[in-house]
């Protein structure tokens, strides 16, 4: 492991799950504190800057003395200059924090621009927040925090990409004292979830959606259930899914459930990386250089499947992936070497042939319309071509369809010609009909009346509008859920070399879709 990582285990006994309390009254804050304790919080952060009225000493004392057993309290009154709500007099703000310390708060959060002579008595969390960007002098700021007499360092900044989260986590390893280092926003989620792996002082989780004190905070339930917070330790291996958008991906729920069922010490995270090969490459470089991160595998989704094979190089991918020109799975060895495969290929063929009750070889000569020309379409066209099906590709950007068709020796037509379809099999590889646009369909019922089998690779919702219309037209239908389960199981087995819990994966997907639909 790299310099600084080995010292992490000695800094705190256990990383705290901290729930910010942002209620407008002290009474509501106390009620919320007890609720947070029941949910499994280790600490609460009383955000006094959210109060409608300045609290009296008696109110603060009652709040702190009435805490649930075992709950630690951080007192914070964040000024607007560092992203808080407090707009009043600075002396009044410091007075609130001093009163909270006197009343028995365990820690007092003080911004690093406050003179040390004004610090309240007690254990100090010295903090710096930047809600606009990652500071250009991040290391300089952190060094000042670490050199102070405060008990805990805290540095929080807005992330633009997951490599900013890696940088935040690395600060924990370099620190001389307990540290909170977080990258805010969706791209920085890794820094929040992996805080326990690197023995941070703590991380923040909202009691529920809408009660976040900073962008990107997951809920307590998500931390405890989806991301298995209580099981994360220094030996936890890291996996994730790269894409944009990525927030609605089912993959974290699926793989984390599979890890839990198999007793595997690993966690799987969503990693939002903006479109563009340069963004993908920058993250991969940072992740591989951070060997202490223990990143062992990645799922790749839109729009990075072609960027992924370009980064790995065809020599590090199997022959089928080279033929497709895209990968959706990367395995990362402890020495940083990479291998890539495409599990979409077998996942799609298995789902289709299972529904039709045929062997893949029986696809030969069958007329198939593939709608779309992106990464999924490439894998499916390659598979169909391998089994000698007669393929026509329809796509909004005709040039892209034409290019794909030339590669695999099939026909290309513009999307407006889709109304003329009379193929035996139709496969939708576009996002049309995907949540939240669930009322959309790429084909009408009239067109579907000329088709026998309809396969929609969209899995959210599991029964898309296209499939509903296809069923009305009397077609055999294949849901994208089957393909999703197959490709996720293929990834799990590629990474770990053991059979995937397929029934659990399918149940997890369907459970999550019922929640979101």
Protein backbone atom coordinates (compact mmCIF):
# COMPACT_ATOMS: atom_id res chain seq x y z
CA UNK A 1 0.00 0.00 0.00
CA UNK A 2 1.06 3.55 -0.65
CA UNK A 3 2.52 5.92 1.91
CA UNK A 4 0.18 6.94 4.70
CA UNK A 5 -2.43 4.22 4.34
CA UNK A 6 -1.08 1.93 7.06
CA UNK A 7 -1.51 4.63 9.71
CA UNK A 8 -5.26 4.88 9.18
CA UNK A 9 -6.24 2.03 11.48
CA UNK A 10 -4.88 3.78 14.58
CA UNK A 11 -6.82 7.03 14.26
CA UNK A 12 -10.34 6.08 15.37
CA UNK A 13 -11.87 2.90 16.77
CA UNK A 14 -14.68 2.97 14.18
CA UNK A 15 -15.77 5.46 11.57
CA UNK A 16 -18.94 7.16 12.74
CA UNK A 17 -22.13 7.36 10.72
CA UNK A 18 -23.17 10.95 11.37
CA UNK A 19 -26.70 12.22 10.71
CA UNK A 20 -27.11 15.98 10.25
CA UNK A 21 -30.15 17.44 12.01
CA UNK A 22 -31.54 20.31 9.96
CA UNK A 23 -34.91 20.86 11.65
CA UNK A 24 -36.11 24.45 12.26
CA UNK A 25 -36.73 24.12 16.03
CA UNK A 26 -34.90 22.59 18.98
CA UNK A 27 -37.93 20.42 19.80
CA UNK A 28 -38.00 18.96 16.28
CA UNK A 29 -34.25 18.47 16.40
CA UNK A 30 -34.56 16.42 19.60
CA UNK A 31 -37.27 14.23 18.05
CA UNK A 32 -35.10 13.73 14.98
CA UNK A 33 -32.10 12.86 17.17
CA UNK A 34 -33.97 9.95 18.72
CA UNK A 35 -35.17 8.82 15.30
CA UNK A 36 -31.60 8.91 13.98
CA UNK A 37 -30.47 6.76 16.90
CA UNK A 38 -33.16 4.18 16.15
CA UNK A 39 -31.98 4.10 12.52
CA UNK A 40 -28.45 3.21 13.60
CA UNK A 41 -26.61 6.53 13.65
CA UNK A 42 -23.46 6.77 15.77
CA UNK A 43 -23.50 10.56 15.98
CA UNK A 44 -25.68 13.50 15.06
CA UNK A 45 -24.62 16.92 13.90
CA UNK A 46 -26.92 19.56 15.35
CA UNK A 47 -27.02 22.22 12.65
CA UNK A 48 -28.01 25.21 14.75
CA UNK A 49 -27.75 27.47 11.70
CA UNK A 50 -30.97 25.82 10.44
CA UNK A 51 -32.95 26.96 13.51
CA UNK A 52 -35.57 29.65 12.90
CA UNK A 53 -34.71 31.38 16.20
CA UNK A 54 -31.48 31.60 18.19
CA UNK A 55 -31.53 28.91 20.88
CA UNK A 56 -31.30 29.75 24.57
CA UNK A 57 -28.76 28.02 26.80
CA UNK A 58 -31.58 26.16 28.51
CA UNK A 59 -32.81 24.81 25.16
CA UNK A 60 -29.31 23.69 24.19
CA UNK A 61 -28.74 22.01 27.55
CA UNK A 62 -32.08 20.20 27.37
CA UNK A 63 -31.34 19.03 23.81
CA UNK A 64 -27.91 17.68 24.67
CA UNK A 65 -28.83 16.17 28.04
CA UNK A 66 -31.84 14.42 26.46
CA UNK A 67 -29.78 12.60 23.85
CA UNK A 68 -30.33 8.85 23.29
CA UNK A 69 -27.82 6.59 25.00
CA UNK A 70 -24.64 6.08 22.99
CA UNK A 71 -25.21 8.97 20.56
CA UNK A 72 -22.41 11.48 20.09
CA UNK A 73 -23.23 15.12 19.35
CA UNK A 74 -21.42 17.55 17.06
CA UNK A 75 -22.49 21.18 17.46
CA UNK A 76 -22.36 23.22 14.25
CA UNK A 77 -23.58 26.68 13.34
CA UNK A 78 -22.30 27.12 9.81
CA UNK A 79 -22.09 30.67 8.38
CA UNK A 80 -23.18 31.44 4.83
CA UNK A 81 -19.58 32.13 3.84
CA UNK A 82 -18.95 28.38 4.05
CA UNK A 83 -22.27 27.12 2.75
CA UNK A 84 -24.32 27.34 5.95
CA UNK A 85 -27.53 29.17 6.83
CA UNK A 86 -26.41 31.49 9.62
CA UNK A 87 -26.65 35.15 8.61
CA UNK A 88 -26.45 36.81 12.02
CA UNK A 89 -23.73 38.37 14.11
CA UNK A 90 -20.48 36.39 14.37
CA UNK A 91 -20.30 36.87 18.13
CA UNK A 92 -23.80 35.40 18.47
CA UNK A 93 -22.75 32.43 16.35
CA UNK A 94 -19.68 31.69 18.45
CA UNK A 95 -21.76 32.16 21.60
CA UNK A 96 -24.17 29.42 20.46
CA UNK A 97 -21.28 27.04 19.95
CA UNK A 98 -19.69 27.94 23.27
CA UNK A 99 -23.00 27.31 25.03
CA UNK A 100 -23.32 23.94 23.27
CA UNK A 101 -19.83 23.00 24.45
CA UNK A 102 -20.66 24.05 28.01
CA UNK A 103 -23.91 22.03 27.84
CA UNK A 104 -21.99 18.87 26.97
CA UNK A 105 -21.68 18.56 23.17
CA UNK A 106 -18.94 16.08 22.32
CA UNK A 107 -17.44 18.08 19.46
CA UNK A 108 -17.68 21.66 18.24
CA UNK A 109 -17.27 22.33 14.52
CA UNK A 110 -15.37 25.56 13.91
CA UNK A 111 -14.37 26.94 10.51
CA UNK A 112 -10.64 27.35 10.01
CA UNK A 113 -11.02 31.08 9.27
CA UNK A 114 -12.17 31.67 12.88
CA UNK A 115 -9.28 32.96 15.07
CA UNK A 116 -8.09 30.38 17.56
CA UNK A 117 -8.70 32.88 20.35
CA UNK A 118 -12.43 32.62 19.58
CA UNK A 119 -12.64 28.83 19.69
CA UNK A 120 -14.96 27.42 22.36
CA UNK A 121 -13.62 25.03 24.96
CA UNK A 122 -13.87 21.32 24.19
CA UNK A 123 -12.96 19.02 21.31
CA UNK A 124 -12.72 20.98 18.09
CA UNK A 125 -13.47 19.79 14.56
CA UNK A 126 -11.64 22.35 12.48
CA UNK A 127 -13.33 22.57 9.10
CA UNK A 128 -13.11 24.07 5.65
CA UNK A 129 -15.94 23.89 3.09
CA UNK A 130 -15.99 24.82 -0.59
CA UNK A 131 -19.38 24.37 -2.28
CA UNK A 132 -18.19 25.65 -5.66
CA UNK A 133 -15.12 23.61 -6.56
CA UNK A 134 -12.09 21.70 -5.35
CA UNK A 135 -9.67 24.31 -3.95
CA UNK A 136 -6.55 24.79 -6.06
CA UNK A 137 -4.54 24.83 -2.81
CA UNK A 138 -6.28 21.79 -1.32
CA UNK A 139 -3.11 20.27 0.13
CA UNK A 140 -2.06 23.60 1.67
CA UNK A 141 -5.45 23.97 3.36
CA UNK A 142 -5.29 20.43 4.65
CA UNK A 143 -1.77 20.88 6.00
CA UNK A 144 -2.97 23.87 8.04
CA UNK A 145 -5.85 21.83 9.44
CA UNK A 146 -3.57 18.95 10.30
CA UNK A 147 -1.05 21.20 12.02
CA UNK A 148 -3.66 22.89 14.23
CA UNK A 149 -4.44 21.97 17.82
CA UNK A 150 -7.94 20.82 16.80
CA UNK A 151 -8.93 17.24 17.61
CA UNK A 152 -10.37 16.44 14.17
CA UNK A 153 -9.68 17.71 10.64
CA UNK A 154 -12.61 18.26 8.30
CA UNK A 155 -12.31 19.29 4.66
CA UNK A 156 -15.23 19.18 2.24
CA UNK A 157 -15.34 20.36 -1.37
CA UNK A 158 -17.42 20.00 -4.51
CA UNK A 159 -16.40 17.11 -6.76
CA UNK A 160 -16.46 17.23 -10.54
CA UNK A 161 -15.45 13.59 -11.00
CA UNK A 162 -14.76 10.46 -8.94
CA UNK A 163 -11.02 11.10 -9.00
CA UNK A 164 -11.75 14.06 -6.71
CA UNK A 165 -13.24 11.53 -4.28
CA UNK A 166 -10.03 9.49 -4.52
CA UNK A 167 -8.06 12.61 -3.64
CA UNK A 168 -10.28 13.23 -0.62
CA UNK A 169 -9.79 9.65 0.61
CA UNK A 170 -6.04 9.95 0.18
CA UNK A 171 -6.00 12.95 2.53
CA UNK A 172 -7.26 10.67 5.30
CA UNK A 173 -4.20 8.47 4.89
CA UNK A 174 -1.84 11.43 5.02
CA UNK A 175 -3.35 12.94 8.17
CA UNK A 176 -1.79 12.88 11.61
CA UNK A 177 -5.15 12.91 13.41
CA UNK A 178 -8.76 11.75 12.91
CA UNK A 179 -10.08 13.25 9.68
CA UNK A 180 -13.26 13.81 7.71
CA UNK A 181 -12.51 14.37 4.02
CA UNK A 182 -15.46 14.39 1.63
CA UNK A 183 -16.12 15.27 -2.00
CA UNK A 184 -19.66 16.62 -2.41
CA UNK A 185 -22.14 15.86 -5.16
CA UNK A 186 -22.93 12.70 -7.11
CA UNK A 187 -19.36 12.28 -8.48
CA UNK A 188 -17.99 12.33 -4.93
CA UNK A 189 -20.16 9.55 -3.49
CA UNK A 190 -17.17 7.20 -3.24
CA UNK A 191 -15.60 9.40 -0.57
CA UNK A 192 -18.68 9.09 1.63
CA UNK A 193 -19.14 5.32 1.36
CA UNK A 194 -15.47 4.35 1.61
CA UNK A 195 -14.80 6.53 4.65
CA UNK A 196 -15.03 3.41 6.82
CA UNK A 197 -12.48 1.53 4.69
CA UNK A 198 -9.89 4.22 5.39
CA UNK A 199 -10.88 4.75 9.01
CA UNK A 200 -12.07 8.31 8.66
CA UNK A 201 -13.47 9.99 11.76
CA UNK A 202 -16.88 9.67 10.12
CA UNK A 203 -19.16 10.28 7.18
CA UNK A 204 -22.54 11.97 6.86
CA UNK A 205 -25.87 10.40 5.89
CA UNK A 206 -29.24 12.13 5.76
CA UNK A 207 -32.14 10.77 7.79
CA UNK A 208 -34.24 10.78 4.61
CA UNK A 209 -34.36 12.39 1.18
CA UNK A 210 -34.78 16.15 1.50
CA UNK A 211 -32.96 16.39 4.84
CA UNK A 212 -29.42 16.53 3.42
CA UNK A 213 -27.07 19.20 4.77
CA UNK A 214 -24.81 19.00 1.70
CA UNK A 215 -25.12 17.76 -1.90
CA UNK A 216 -24.58 14.04 -2.47
CA UNK A 217 -25.38 12.76 1.02
CA UNK A 218 -26.96 9.29 0.82
CA UNK A 219 -29.62 8.37 3.34
CA UNK A 220 -28.95 6.27 6.43
CA UNK A 221 -31.00 3.46 4.90
CA UNK A 222 -28.92 3.56 1.71
CA UNK A 223 -25.68 3.49 3.66
CA UNK A 224 -26.80 0.66 5.94
CA UNK A 225 -28.69 -1.49 3.42
CA UNK A 226 -27.60 -0.70 -0.13
CA UNK A 227 -23.92 0.01 0.56
CA UNK A 228 -23.46 -2.30 3.58
CA UNK A 229 -21.78 0.39 5.70
CA UNK A 230 -21.44 -1.82 8.78
CA UNK A 231 -19.53 -4.49 6.81
CA UNK A 232 -16.94 -2.15 5.30
CA UNK A 233 -13.44 -2.35 6.76
CA UNK A 234 -9.83 -1.88 5.69
CA UNK A 235 -9.84 -5.17 3.76
CA UNK A 236 -12.98 -4.40 1.73
CA UNK A 237 -12.47 -4.70 -2.02
CA UNK A 238 -14.03 -2.06 -4.25
CA UNK A 239 -16.10 -2.51 -7.43
CA UNK A 240 -18.27 -0.07 -9.31
CA UNK A 241 -20.21 0.93 -12.40
CA UNK A 242 -19.01 3.74 -14.66
CA UNK A 243 -21.58 5.67 -16.66
CA UNK A 244 -23.41 8.94 -17.22
CA UNK A 245 -26.14 9.18 -16.05
CA UNK A 246 -25.68 6.60 -13.32
CA UNK A 247 -27.89 7.51 -10.34
CA UNK A 248 -30.71 5.13 -11.33
CA UNK A 249 -28.45 2.14 -12.06
CA UNK A 250 -29.63 -1.14 -10.56
CA UNK A 251 -26.09 -2.52 -10.51
CA UNK A 252 -25.13 -1.36 -6.97
CA UNK A 253 -28.21 -3.05 -5.47
CA UNK A 254 -27.61 -6.23 -7.48
CA UNK A 255 -23.90 -6.67 -6.84
CA UNK A 256 -23.95 -5.58 -3.21
CA UNK A 257 -26.74 -8.10 -2.55
CA UNK A 258 -24.69 -10.78 -4.32
CA UNK A 259 -21.59 -9.90 -2.27
CA UNK A 260 -23.60 -10.09 0.96
CA UNK A 261 -25.14 -13.45 0.04
CA UNK A 262 -21.73 -14.90 -0.77
CA UNK A 263 -20.02 -13.53 2.35
CA UNK A 264 -17.67 -11.52 0.10
CA UNK A 265 -15.93 -8.54 1.69
CA UNK A 266 -16.59 -6.08 -1.12
CA UNK A 267 -18.68 -3.03 -1.93
CA UNK A 268 -19.99 -1.83 -5.30
CA UNK A 269 -20.42 1.88 -6.06
CA UNK A 270 -21.94 4.08 -8.78
CA UNK A 271 -19.26 6.22 -10.46
CA UNK A 272 -20.51 9.14 -12.53
CA UNK A 273 -18.00 10.03 -15.24
CA UNK A 274 -19.01 12.55 -17.86
CA UNK A 275 -18.98 11.57 -21.53
CA UNK A 276 -15.66 11.67 -23.34
CA UNK A 277 -12.64 9.42 -23.56
CA UNK A 278 -10.46 11.95 -21.78
CA UNK A 279 -12.74 11.88 -18.71
CA UNK A 280 -12.74 8.08 -18.66
CA UNK A 281 -8.97 7.92 -19.05
CA UNK A 282 -8.34 10.46 -16.31
CA UNK A 283 -10.39 8.48 -13.82
CA UNK A 284 -8.81 5.16 -14.74
CA UNK A 285 -5.31 6.61 -14.40
CA UNK A 286 -6.15 7.98 -10.94
CA UNK A 287 -7.87 4.79 -9.77
CA UNK A 288 -5.06 2.47 -10.86
CA UNK A 289 -2.38 4.75 -9.38
CA UNK A 290 -4.25 4.61 -6.05
CA UNK A 291 -3.37 0.96 -5.37
CA UNK A 292 -4.52 1.44 -1.75
CA UNK A 293 -8.08 1.86 -3.06
CA UNK A 294 -8.27 -1.90 -3.75
CA UNK A 295 -10.38 -1.36 -6.87
CA UNK A 296 -10.86 -4.81 -8.39
CA UNK A 297 -13.58 -4.53 -11.00
CA UNK A 298 -15.75 -2.17 -13.02
CA UNK A 299 -18.98 -2.44 -14.96
CA UNK A 300 -19.09 -0.08 -17.92
CA UNK A 301 -22.29 1.41 -19.30
CA UNK A 302 -23.37 4.27 -21.59
CA UNK A 303 -21.44 6.21 -22.86
CA UNK A 304 -18.09 4.57 -22.02
CA UNK A 305 -18.07 1.02 -23.46
CA UNK A 306 -15.97 2.00 -26.48
CA UNK A 307 -13.78 4.28 -24.34
CA UNK A 308 -13.09 1.30 -22.08
CA UNK A 309 -11.73 -0.98 -24.80
CA UNK A 310 -9.65 1.89 -26.16
CA UNK A 311 -8.13 2.42 -22.70
CA UNK A 312 -7.37 -1.25 -22.06
CA UNK A 313 -6.12 -1.98 -25.56
CA UNK A 314 -7.48 -4.85 -27.60
CA UNK A 315 -4.62 -7.09 -26.48
CA UNK A 316 -6.12 -7.07 -22.96
CA UNK A 317 -9.59 -8.08 -24.13
CA UNK A 318 -10.98 -11.36 -25.42
CA UNK A 319 -11.44 -12.00 -29.14
CA UNK A 320 -15.20 -11.48 -28.98
CA UNK A 321 -14.82 -8.07 -27.33
CA UNK A 322 -12.32 -7.07 -30.02
CA UNK A 323 -14.87 -8.05 -32.64
CA UNK A 324 -17.61 -6.04 -30.92
CA UNK A 325 -15.33 -3.06 -30.36
CA UNK A 326 -16.71 -2.41 -26.89
CA UNK A 327 -16.51 -3.90 -23.40
CA UNK A 328 -18.80 -3.66 -20.38
CA UNK A 329 -16.60 -5.33 -17.76
CA UNK A 330 -13.08 -4.69 -16.45
CA UNK A 331 -11.15 -6.80 -13.96
CA UNK A 332 -8.27 -5.12 -12.14
CA UNK A 333 -5.55 -7.29 -10.62
CA UNK A 334 -3.67 -6.23 -7.45
CA UNK A 335 -0.67 -5.33 -9.63
CA UNK A 336 -2.83 -2.94 -11.70
CA UNK A 337 -3.05 -5.11 -14.82
CA UNK A 338 -6.38 -5.01 -16.62
CA UNK A 339 -8.60 -7.49 -18.47
CA UNK A 340 -11.80 -6.69 -20.30
CA UNK A 341 -14.78 -8.66 -21.60
CA UNK A 342 -18.28 -7.97 -22.93
CA UNK A 343 -21.00 -9.89 -21.11
CA UNK A 344 -23.81 -8.22 -23.11
CA UNK A 345 -23.19 -10.64 -25.98
CA UNK A 346 -23.99 -13.91 -24.22
CA UNK A 347 -26.56 -12.22 -21.97
CA UNK A 348 -28.67 -11.12 -24.93
CA UNK A 349 -28.41 -14.37 -26.90
CA UNK A 350 -29.22 -16.47 -23.82
CA UNK A 351 -32.27 -14.32 -23.00
CA UNK A 352 -33.57 -14.42 -26.58
CA UNK A 353 -32.98 -18.11 -27.24
CA UNK A 354 -34.33 -19.16 -23.85
CA UNK A 355 -37.59 -17.31 -24.53
CA UNK A 356 -37.85 -18.76 -28.04
CA UNK A 357 -36.83 -22.23 -26.80
CA UNK A 358 -34.20 -22.59 -29.47
CA UNK A 359 -30.45 -23.09 -29.56
CA UNK A 360 -28.28 -20.16 -30.71
CA UNK A 361 -27.40 -22.05 -33.90
CA UNK A 362 -31.10 -21.96 -34.82
CA UNK A 363 -30.88 -18.18 -35.27
CA UNK A 364 -29.26 -18.82 -38.67
CA UNK A 365 -31.29 -17.34 -41.50
CA UNK A 366 -33.88 -15.69 -39.23
CA UNK A 367 -34.71 -12.06 -40.05
CA UNK A 368 -33.92 -9.74 -37.16
CA UNK A 369 -34.44 -5.97 -36.88
CA UNK A 370 -32.09 -4.25 -34.44
CA UNK A 371 -33.17 -0.73 -33.47
CA UNK A 372 -30.24 1.36 -32.30
CA UNK A 373 -26.52 1.37 -33.03
CA UNK A 374 -24.88 2.01 -29.64
CA UNK A 375 -22.84 -0.24 -27.36
CA UNK A 376 -25.58 -2.76 -26.61
CA UNK A 377 -26.57 -2.90 -30.28
CA UNK A 378 -22.94 -3.63 -31.25
CA UNK A 379 -22.79 -6.61 -28.92
CA UNK A 380 -26.12 -7.99 -30.08
CA UNK A 381 -25.37 -7.47 -33.79
CA UNK A 382 -22.02 -9.21 -33.35
CA UNK A 383 -23.74 -12.16 -31.68
CA UNK A 384 -26.49 -12.39 -34.29
CA UNK A 385 -23.94 -12.15 -37.10
CA UNK A 386 -21.89 -14.91 -35.48
CA UNK A 387 -24.94 -17.16 -35.58
CA UNK A 388 -25.70 -16.11 -39.18
CA UNK A 389 -28.98 -14.29 -38.65
CA UNK A 390 -30.17 -11.85 -41.34
CA UNK A 391 -29.89 -8.46 -39.65
CA UNK A 392 -31.25 -5.00 -40.47
CA UNK A 393 -30.10 -2.10 -38.30
CA UNK A 394 -32.35 0.95 -37.85
CA UNK A 395 -30.96 4.06 -36.21
CA UNK A 396 -31.77 7.77 -35.92
CA UNK A 397 -28.24 8.65 -37.07
CA UNK A 398 -28.14 6.65 -40.28
CA UNK A 399 -24.38 6.99 -40.75
CA UNK A 400 -23.78 5.19 -37.45
CA UNK A 401 -26.12 2.37 -38.45
CA UNK A 402 -24.43 2.14 -41.83
CA UNK A 403 -20.98 1.93 -40.24
CA UNK A 404 -22.08 -0.84 -37.88
CA UNK A 405 -23.80 -2.72 -40.70
CA UNK A 406 -20.66 -2.66 -42.84
CA UNK A 407 -18.59 -4.09 -39.99
CA UNK A 408 -20.88 -7.11 -39.61
CA UNK A 409 -22.14 -7.57 -43.18
CA UNK A 410 -25.77 -6.60 -42.67
CA UNK A 411 -28.28 -4.00 -43.89
CA UNK A 412 -28.77 -0.48 -42.49
CA UNK A 413 -31.85 1.75 -42.77
CA UNK A 414 -32.76 5.13 -41.22
CA UNK A 415 -35.08 5.03 -38.19
CA UNK A 416 -37.99 6.56 -40.12
CA UNK A 417 -38.15 3.36 -42.15
CA UNK A 418 -38.94 1.39 -39.02
CA UNK A 419 -42.66 1.49 -39.84
CA UNK A 420 -41.93 -0.94 -42.70
CA UNK A 421 -40.61 -3.66 -40.38
CA UNK A 422 -41.89 -7.17 -41.08
CA UNK A 423 -39.10 -9.17 -39.47
CA UNK A 424 -39.58 -12.27 -37.35
CA UNK A 425 -37.58 -10.78 -34.46
CA UNK A 426 -37.28 -7.15 -33.33
CA UNK A 427 -34.73 -6.07 -30.71
CA UNK A 428 -34.88 -2.56 -29.24
CA UNK A 429 -31.41 -1.39 -28.23
CA UNK A 430 -32.37 2.27 -27.70
CA UNK A 431 -33.40 3.96 -24.44
CA UNK A 432 -36.88 4.73 -25.80
CA UNK A 433 -39.40 3.70 -23.15
CA UNK A 434 -36.89 3.75 -20.30
CA UNK A 435 -37.91 5.24 -16.94
CA UNK A 436 -39.08 7.99 -16.56
CA UNK A 437 -40.35 8.15 -20.19
CA UNK A 438 -42.41 5.00 -19.73
CA UNK A 439 -45.19 5.94 -22.16
CA UNK A 440 -42.91 5.94 -25.19
CA UNK A 441 -42.57 3.08 -27.67
CA UNK A 442 -40.26 2.79 -30.65
CA UNK A 443 -42.95 0.84 -32.59
CA UNK A 444 -46.73 0.95 -32.95
CA UNK A 445 -49.11 -1.95 -32.38
CA UNK A 446 -49.85 -1.98 -36.13
CA UNK A 447 -46.18 -2.57 -36.97
CA UNK A 448 -45.87 -5.16 -34.22
CA UNK A 449 -48.71 -7.17 -35.72
CA UNK A 450 -46.22 -8.20 -38.44
CA UNK A 451 -43.61 -9.39 -35.90
CA UNK A 452 -43.33 -12.68 -33.99
CA UNK A 453 -40.77 -11.95 -31.25
CA UNK A 454 -40.03 -8.60 -29.53
CA UNK A 455 -37.00 -8.19 -27.25
CA UNK A 456 -36.65 -4.87 -25.40
CA UNK A 457 -33.22 -4.43 -23.80
CA UNK A 458 -34.66 -1.68 -21.54
CA UNK A 459 -35.11 -3.16 -18.05
CA UNK A 460 -36.62 -0.21 -16.20
CA UNK A 461 -39.58 -0.67 -16.28
CA UNK A 462 -39.49 -4.46 -16.74
CA UNK A 463 -42.67 -4.34 -18.83
CA UNK A 464 -42.13 -1.42 -21.20
CA UNK A 465 -44.75 0.20 -23.41
CA UNK A 466 -43.17 -1.61 -26.38
CA UNK A 467 -43.66 -4.97 -24.67
CA UNK A 468 -47.24 -4.09 -23.71
CA UNK A 469 -48.07 -3.29 -27.33
CA UNK A 470 -46.24 -6.41 -28.51
CA UNK A 471 -48.28 -8.60 -26.19
CA UNK A 472 -51.50 -7.04 -27.49
CA UNK A 473 -50.30 -7.81 -31.01
CA UNK A 474 -49.77 -11.44 -30.04
CA UNK A 475 -45.98 -11.40 -30.03
CA UNK A 476 -43.66 -13.45 -27.85
CA UNK A 477 -41.89 -10.92 -25.63
CA UNK A 478 -38.47 -10.88 -23.96
CA UNK A 479 -37.81 -8.40 -21.12
CA UNK A 480 -34.57 -6.53 -20.64
CA UNK A 481 -34.56 -7.86 -17.07
CA UNK A 482 -33.45 -11.27 -18.36
CA UNK A 483 -30.54 -9.74 -20.25
CA UNK A 484 -29.62 -7.57 -17.25
CA UNK A 485 -29.55 -10.58 -14.92
CA UNK A 486 -27.43 -12.56 -17.38
CA UNK A 487 -24.88 -9.80 -17.92
CA UNK A 488 -24.62 -8.98 -14.19
CA UNK A 489 -24.10 -12.67 -13.38
CA UNK A 490 -21.45 -12.87 -16.08
CA UNK A 491 -19.60 -9.91 -14.53
CA UNK A 492 -19.75 -11.39 -11.04
CA UNK A 493 -18.33 -14.69 -12.28
CA UNK A 494 -15.60 -12.98 -14.32
CA UNK A 495 -14.42 -11.00 -11.28
CA UNK A 496 -14.67 -13.68 -8.61
CA UNK A 497 -14.48 -17.02 -10.41
CA UNK A 498 -17.47 -18.46 -8.53
CA UNK A 499 -21.09 -19.04 -9.65
CA UNK A 500 -23.34 -15.99 -9.36
CA UNK A 501 -26.59 -16.14 -7.32
CA UNK A 502 -28.81 -15.62 -10.38
CA UNK A 503 -32.15 -15.99 -8.61
CA UNK A 504 -31.10 -13.43 -5.99
CA UNK A 505 -29.92 -11.06 -8.72
CA UNK A 506 -33.28 -11.31 -10.50
CA UNK A 507 -35.24 -10.86 -7.27
CA UNK A 508 -33.15 -7.81 -6.36
CA UNK A 509 -33.76 -6.22 -9.75
CA UNK A 510 -37.51 -6.82 -9.60
CA UNK A 511 -37.73 -5.57 -6.02
CA UNK A 512 -35.91 -2.36 -6.93
CA UNK A 513 -38.02 -1.83 -10.04
CA UNK A 514 -41.22 -2.21 -8.06
CA UNK A 515 -39.98 0.54 -5.77
CA UNK A 516 -39.09 2.90 -8.62
CA UNK A 517 -42.07 2.23 -10.89
